[in-house]
Protein backbone atom coordinates (compact mmCIF):
# COMPACT_ATOMS: atom_id res chain seq x y z
CA MET A 1 -5.89 2.94 -0.03
CA SER A 2 -3.76 -0.53 -0.03
CA GLN A 3 -3.93 -2.89 -2.41
CA GLN A 4 -5.18 -6.35 -1.45
CA VAL A 5 -2.65 -8.92 -0.98
CA PRO A 6 -2.92 -12.33 -3.03
CA SER A 7 -3.72 -15.49 -1.35
CA PHE A 8 -0.42 -16.88 -2.44
CA ILE A 9 1.55 -14.85 -0.42
CA LYS A 10 1.67 -14.37 3.38
CA LYS A 11 3.55 -12.12 5.31
CA THR A 12 4.93 -13.43 8.75
CA LYS A 13 7.25 -12.93 11.27
CA ASP A 14 10.48 -14.70 9.99
CA GLY A 15 9.32 -13.09 6.25
CA VAL A 16 7.10 -13.56 3.34
CA VAL A 17 5.59 -16.93 2.35
CA LEU A 18 4.71 -18.21 -0.91
CA LYS A 19 2.59 -20.80 -1.48
CA LEU A 20 3.76 -22.12 -5.05
CA HIS A 21 2.36 -24.67 -7.64
CA VAL A 22 5.26 -26.10 -9.42
CA GLN A 23 5.30 -27.69 -13.07
CA PRO A 24 8.40 -29.85 -13.62
CA ARG A 25 9.82 -30.62 -16.75
CA ALA A 26 8.51 -27.16 -18.41
CA SER A 27 9.72 -25.60 -21.94
CA LYS A 28 11.44 -23.00 -19.97
CA ASN A 29 11.72 -21.40 -16.56
CA LYS A 30 8.90 -18.85 -15.66
CA VAL A 31 6.01 -17.47 -13.37
CA VAL A 32 2.91 -18.92 -15.24
CA GLY A 33 0.54 -16.69 -13.22
CA LEU A 34 -2.19 -18.09 -10.82
CA HIS A 35 -3.08 -22.07 -10.18
CA GLY A 36 -5.99 -21.81 -7.46
CA ASN A 37 -4.85 -19.58 -4.56
CA ARG A 38 -1.06 -20.59 -5.40
CA LEU A 39 0.97 -18.99 -7.81
CA LYS A 40 2.42 -21.24 -10.55
CA ILE A 41 6.07 -21.35 -11.50
CA ALA A 42 7.46 -24.11 -14.48
CA ILE A 43 10.41 -25.19 -14.33
CA GLN A 44 12.74 -27.23 -16.92
CA ALA A 45 14.33 -29.55 -14.25
CA PRO A 46 12.79 -32.94 -13.34
CA PRO A 47 11.10 -33.49 -10.05
CA ALA A 48 14.03 -36.18 -9.05
CA ASN A 49 16.54 -35.43 -6.71
CA GLY A 50 15.35 -32.04 -5.72
CA LYS A 51 16.50 -30.51 -8.74
CA ALA A 52 12.89 -28.73 -9.47
CA ASN A 53 13.29 -27.30 -5.79
CA LYS A 54 16.83 -26.10 -6.79
CA ALA A 55 15.50 -24.65 -10.03
CA VAL A 56 12.57 -22.92 -8.32
CA GLN A 57 15.06 -21.81 -5.55
CA GLN A 58 17.13 -20.17 -8.26
CA LEU A 59 14.28 -18.51 -10.53
CA LEU A 60 12.96 -16.91 -7.40
CA SER A 61 16.61 -15.82 -6.54
CA LYS A 62 16.76 -14.39 -10.12
CA ILE A 63 13.37 -12.75 -10.45
CA LEU A 64 13.47 -11.29 -6.31
CA ASP A 65 16.94 -10.20 -6.67
CA LEU A 66 17.95 -11.93 -3.55
CA PRO A 67 20.50 -14.32 -2.54
CA LYS A 68 19.38 -18.03 -2.74
CA SER A 69 20.31 -18.31 1.13
CA ASN A 70 17.03 -15.94 1.68
CA ILE A 71 14.61 -18.42 -0.14
CA VAL A 72 14.08 -21.27 1.69
CA LEU A 73 11.85 -24.28 0.90
CA ARG A 74 9.38 -24.64 4.09
CA SER A 75 7.15 -27.78 2.95
CA GLY A 76 6.32 -29.57 -0.23
CA ILE A 77 9.56 -31.32 -0.95
CA THR A 78 8.11 -34.14 -3.23
CA SER A 79 4.73 -32.30 -3.81
CA ARG A 80 4.07 -29.86 -6.59
CA LYS A 81 2.71 -27.77 -3.96
CA LYS A 82 5.72 -26.19 -2.09
CA THR A 83 5.76 -23.36 0.45
CA PHE A 84 8.80 -21.17 0.53
CA LEU A 85 10.06 -18.23 3.01
CA ILE A 86 11.27 -15.72 1.37
CA SER A 87 13.66 -13.12 4.08
CA GLY A 88 15.37 -9.79 3.24
CA ILE A 89 11.94 -8.28 1.47
CA SER A 90 8.43 -6.61 2.20
CA SER A 91 5.73 -8.53 0.65
CA SER A 92 4.82 -5.50 -1.46
CA GLU A 93 8.29 -5.73 -2.87
CA VAL A 94 8.04 -9.49 -3.66
CA LEU A 95 4.61 -8.71 -5.55
CA SER A 96 6.25 -5.81 -7.41
CA ARG A 97 9.47 -8.09 -8.40
CA LEU A 98 6.86 -10.76 -9.51
CA LYS A 99 5.27 -8.04 -11.62
CA MET A 100 1.93 -9.31 -9.93
């Protein structure tokens, strides 16, 4: 039996799309858990000048063990609700590395 894929992750022809809720100015960078139908990520960086977006990219790169070039912000540049495209990895591997 296959495991159910959470609503924050979607497999596409281009890669895996992650729907995130980002909390800037947090005490530490970490994956918090679910926030509605999105994965909540806390980031120390402020939301100004794209710093939070870069911090999310760096955190995902570290957690997923992928180069930053494989993690691209698709939508939500100025919003807490962001969508990232992850390439070079399967959706099941993303879940495994996120420990979800």
